[in-house]
Amino acid sequence: MFTGIVEELGEVTAVENLDDACRFRLRGPVVTKGAQHGDSIAVNGVCLTVVDHEGDEFTADVMAETLNRSSLGVLTVGSRVNLERPTAVGARLGGHIVQGHVDGTGEILERKPSEHWEIVKISLPADLARYVVQKGSITVDGISLTVVDAGPDYFTVSLIPTTLALTTLGHKQSGDLVNLEVDVIAKYVERLLASQGAGR
């Protein structure tokens, strides 16, 4: 489990395209400290498994399903990525419950900068819209954010200077893809209510 509090802005250092998968090598001095084979690290909100690591770099394999469902397929050497290690049991939950299981992608539609923050408008796939509510939580590229406005096919978030400086959202422009993970609690509630309705 993750919290959506990005630990560092890493970098893709190598990409190996396989027949039905992809192997990434990524640099992240913070997240690789003490890393072991089999550990999990969230890369732009996608939970990946450490295959190998050396120094401040680690390698992770990404299967076709993940490439199709996320924006990892557009990463190239030099791409910046948000990195986070799983939260430790008993640690503070700074963001919200994030599984690292991306539900889909959105496109940055608009950026409106102001003196102390920036409003970003992101497209929202139709099948995810029902899980996104005003003032609720959503994960964008692995970042736990609060929804400012929720429309039928978009939502907006407000980014503080720290988020802009320390995550990929400070660098992405209109037209760029971002990974989206909706609040898992909303999906559980929907499933429970559906099963109760069927029971009646």
Protein backbone atom coordinates (compact mmCIF):
# COMPACT_ATOMS: atom_id res chain seq x y z
CA MET A 1 0.00 0.00 0.00
CA PHE A 2 1.11 3.54 -0.77
CA THR A 3 -0.07 6.94 0.42
CA GLY A 4 0.42 9.11 -2.68
CA ILE A 5 3.14 11.18 -1.02
CA VAL A 6 5.93 11.20 -3.63
CA GLU A 7 9.36 10.62 -2.11
CA GLU A 8 11.45 11.77 -5.03
CA LEU A 9 11.47 12.73 -8.67
CA GLY A 10 13.38 9.94 -10.43
CA GLU A 11 14.55 9.44 -13.99
CA VAL A 12 14.33 6.69 -16.61
CA THR A 13 17.88 5.71 -17.56
CA ALA A 14 17.19 2.79 -19.92
CA VAL A 15 14.25 1.22 -21.76
CA GLU A 16 14.30 -2.30 -23.20
CA ASN A 17 11.30 -3.19 -25.36
CA LEU A 18 10.40 -6.89 -25.23
CA ASP A 19 7.84 -8.83 -27.27
CA ASP A 20 4.95 -8.32 -24.87
CA ALA A 21 6.53 -6.30 -22.10
CA CYS A 22 9.08 -3.62 -21.31
CA ARG A 23 12.02 -3.42 -18.92
CA PHE A 24 12.83 -0.07 -17.34
CA ARG A 25 15.92 1.03 -15.47
CA LEU A 26 15.24 3.97 -13.21
CA ARG A 27 17.37 6.20 -11.04
CA GLY A 28 16.13 7.04 -7.54
CA PRO A 29 18.69 7.39 -4.72
CA VAL A 30 16.03 7.64 -2.00
CA VAL A 31 13.82 4.70 -2.97
CA THR A 32 16.74 2.38 -3.79
CA LYS A 33 18.31 2.82 -0.37
CA GLY A 34 17.96 -0.59 1.25
CA ALA A 35 15.95 -1.94 -1.69
CA GLN A 36 15.85 -5.70 -2.20
CA HIS A 37 14.85 -7.96 -5.07
CA GLY A 38 11.06 -8.32 -5.02
CA ASP A 39 10.37 -5.03 -3.26
CA SER A 40 7.60 -2.79 -4.56
CA ILE A 41 8.12 0.78 -5.75
CA ALA A 42 5.40 2.99 -7.22
CA VAL A 43 6.46 4.61 -10.51
CA ASN A 44 4.04 7.36 -11.56
CA GLY A 45 1.46 5.60 -9.41
CA VAL A 46 2.04 2.12 -10.84
CA CYS A 47 3.20 -0.53 -8.37
CA LEU A 48 6.27 -2.21 -9.90
CA THR A 49 8.51 -4.97 -8.57
CA VAL A 50 12.24 -4.48 -8.21
CA VAL A 51 13.95 -7.07 -10.41
CA ASP A 52 17.47 -5.85 -9.79
CA HIS A 53 19.20 -2.83 -8.34
CA GLU A 54 22.69 -1.41 -8.32
CA GLY A 55 23.79 1.83 -6.73
CA ASP A 56 21.00 4.36 -7.05
CA GLU A 57 19.24 2.56 -9.91
CA PHE A 58 16.72 -0.26 -10.07
CA THR A 59 15.18 -2.37 -12.84
CA ALA A 60 11.49 -3.26 -13.19
CA ASP A 61 9.56 -5.30 -15.75
CA VAL A 62 6.22 -4.01 -17.03
CA MET A 63 3.77 -6.39 -18.75
CA ALA A 64 1.58 -5.46 -21.71
CA GLU A 65 -1.56 -5.11 -19.55
CA THR A 66 0.10 -2.39 -17.47
CA LEU A 67 1.51 -0.64 -20.54
CA ASN A 68 -1.96 -0.58 -22.08
CA ARG A 69 -3.71 0.69 -18.96
CA SER A 70 -1.17 3.30 -17.92
CA SER A 71 1.05 6.00 -19.37
CA LEU A 72 4.24 4.02 -18.71
CA GLY A 73 4.32 3.05 -22.38
CA VAL A 74 5.23 6.61 -23.38
CA LEU A 75 8.26 6.82 -21.08
CA THR A 76 11.65 7.25 -22.76
CA VAL A 77 15.20 7.65 -21.53
CA GLY A 78 15.35 10.90 -19.61
CA SER A 79 11.66 10.92 -18.61
CA ARG A 80 11.07 12.11 -15.05
CA VAL A 81 8.93 9.87 -12.83
CA ASN A 82 7.36 10.06 -9.39
CA LEU A 83 8.73 7.43 -7.01
CA GLU A 84 7.35 6.15 -3.71
CA ARG A 85 8.10 3.15 -1.53
CA PRO A 86 5.25 1.29 0.22
CA THR A 87 4.17 2.78 3.52
CA ALA A 88 5.40 1.01 6.64
CA VAL A 89 2.90 -0.49 9.07
CA GLY A 90 2.26 2.07 11.78
CA ALA A 91 3.51 5.00 9.70
CA ARG A 92 1.45 8.15 9.23
CA LEU A 93 -0.98 8.09 6.32
CA GLY A 94 -0.09 11.46 4.83
CA GLY A 95 -2.21 11.16 1.69
CA HIS A 96 -4.88 8.47 1.27
CA ILE A 97 -4.97 4.72 0.59
CA VAL A 98 -3.27 4.15 -2.77
CA GLN A 99 -2.91 0.64 -4.17
CA GLY A 100 -0.68 1.38 -7.12
CA HIS A 101 -3.28 -0.22 -9.42
CA VAL A 102 -3.97 2.35 -12.13
CA ASP A 103 -7.61 2.54 -13.26
CA GLY A 104 -6.94 4.48 -16.44
CA THR A 105 -5.32 7.55 -17.90
CA GLY A 106 -6.37 11.16 -18.28
CA GLU A 107 -5.08 14.00 -20.40
CA ILE A 108 -4.02 17.36 -19.07
CA LEU A 109 -6.52 19.74 -20.66
CA GLU A 110 -5.58 23.07 -19.17
CA ARG A 111 -3.26 24.75 -16.68
CA LYS A 112 -4.15 28.01 -14.94
CA PRO A 113 -1.23 29.42 -12.94
CA SER A 114 -1.68 31.99 -10.19
CA GLU A 115 0.69 33.62 -7.76
CA HIS A 116 0.74 30.86 -5.16
CA TRP A 117 -0.83 27.79 -6.79
CA GLU A 118 -1.94 26.34 -10.11
CA ILE A 119 -5.25 24.83 -11.18
CA VAL A 120 -4.91 21.83 -13.51
CA LYS A 121 -7.85 20.42 -15.49
CA ILE A 122 -7.61 16.73 -16.42
CA SER A 123 -9.89 14.61 -18.60
CA LEU A 124 -11.76 11.79 -16.88
CA PRO A 125 -12.74 8.49 -18.52
CA ALA A 126 -16.51 7.93 -18.44
CA ASP A 127 -16.23 4.69 -16.46
CA LEU A 128 -14.34 6.44 -13.64
CA ALA A 129 -16.44 9.60 -13.34
CA ARG A 130 -18.83 8.11 -10.77
CA TYR A 131 -15.96 7.57 -8.32
CA VAL A 132 -14.71 11.16 -8.41
CA VAL A 133 -16.39 13.74 -6.19
CA GLN A 134 -15.68 17.31 -5.21
CA LYS A 135 -13.26 17.43 -2.23
CA GLY A 136 -12.64 13.69 -2.59
CA SER A 137 -9.26 12.05 -3.14
CA ILE A 138 -7.72 10.95 -6.43
CA THR A 139 -4.25 9.76 -7.38
CA VAL A 140 -2.64 11.46 -10.39
CA ASP A 141 0.71 10.01 -11.49
CA GLY A 142 1.03 8.57 -7.99
CA ILE A 143 0.29 11.87 -6.23
CA SER A 144 -2.50 12.01 -3.67
CA LEU A 145 -4.59 15.06 -4.57
CA THR A 146 -7.89 16.62 -3.55
CA VAL A 147 -10.48 17.14 -6.26
CA VAL A 148 -11.49 20.80 -6.56
CA ASP A 149 -14.21 20.38 -9.18
CA ALA A 150 -15.69 17.20 -10.66
CA GLY A 151 -17.42 17.34 -14.04
CA PRO A 152 -18.91 14.56 -16.20
CA ASP A 153 -15.70 14.07 -18.17
CA TYR A 154 -13.08 16.09 -16.29
CA PHE A 155 -11.86 17.12 -12.87
CA THR A 156 -9.58 19.83 -11.53
CA VAL A 157 -6.91 19.84 -8.85
CA SER A 158 -5.04 22.69 -7.19
CA LEU A 159 -1.27 22.30 -6.96
CA ILE A 160 0.88 24.05 -4.37
CA PRO A 161 4.46 25.14 -5.18
CA THR A 162 5.94 22.07 -3.44
CA THR A 163 3.95 19.68 -5.65
CA LEU A 164 4.95 21.63 -8.75
CA ALA A 165 8.61 21.59 -7.79
CA LEU A 166 8.94 17.99 -6.60
CA THR A 167 6.68 15.95 -8.92
CA THR A 168 6.04 15.34 -12.62
CA LEU A 169 3.02 17.64 -12.55
CA GLY A 170 5.38 20.59 -12.43
CA HIS A 171 6.72 19.60 -15.86
CA LYS A 172 3.78 18.17 -17.78
CA GLN A 173 1.91 20.25 -20.33
CA SER A 174 -1.51 20.24 -21.98
CA GLY A 175 -1.92 17.05 -24.00
CA ASP A 176 0.31 14.94 -21.74
CA LEU A 177 -1.10 11.72 -20.26
CA VAL A 178 -1.28 11.03 -16.53
CA ASN A 179 -2.14 7.87 -14.61
CA LEU A 180 -5.34 7.90 -12.57
CA GLU A 181 -6.32 5.77 -9.59
CA VAL A 182 -9.66 6.50 -7.98
CA ASP A 183 -10.36 6.05 -4.28
CA VAL A 184 -10.67 2.29 -3.70
CA ILE A 185 -13.15 2.88 -0.87
CA ALA A 186 -15.65 4.27 -3.39
CA LYS A 187 -15.38 1.08 -5.45
CA TYR A 188 -15.95 -1.12 -2.39
CA VAL A 189 -19.01 0.91 -1.39
CA GLU A 190 -20.43 0.59 -4.91
CA ARG A 191 -19.92 -3.19 -4.89
CA LEU A 192 -21.51 -3.59 -1.46
CA LEU A 193 -24.54 -1.51 -2.40
CA ALA A 194 -24.96 -3.46 -5.64
CA SER A 195 -24.88 -6.78 -3.79
CA GLN A 196 -27.47 -5.52 -1.27
CA GLY A 197 -29.73 -4.45 -4.11
CA ALA A 198 -29.43 -7.87 -5.75
CA GLY A 199 -30.31 -9.52 -2.43
CA ARG A 200 -33.60 -7.67 -2.32
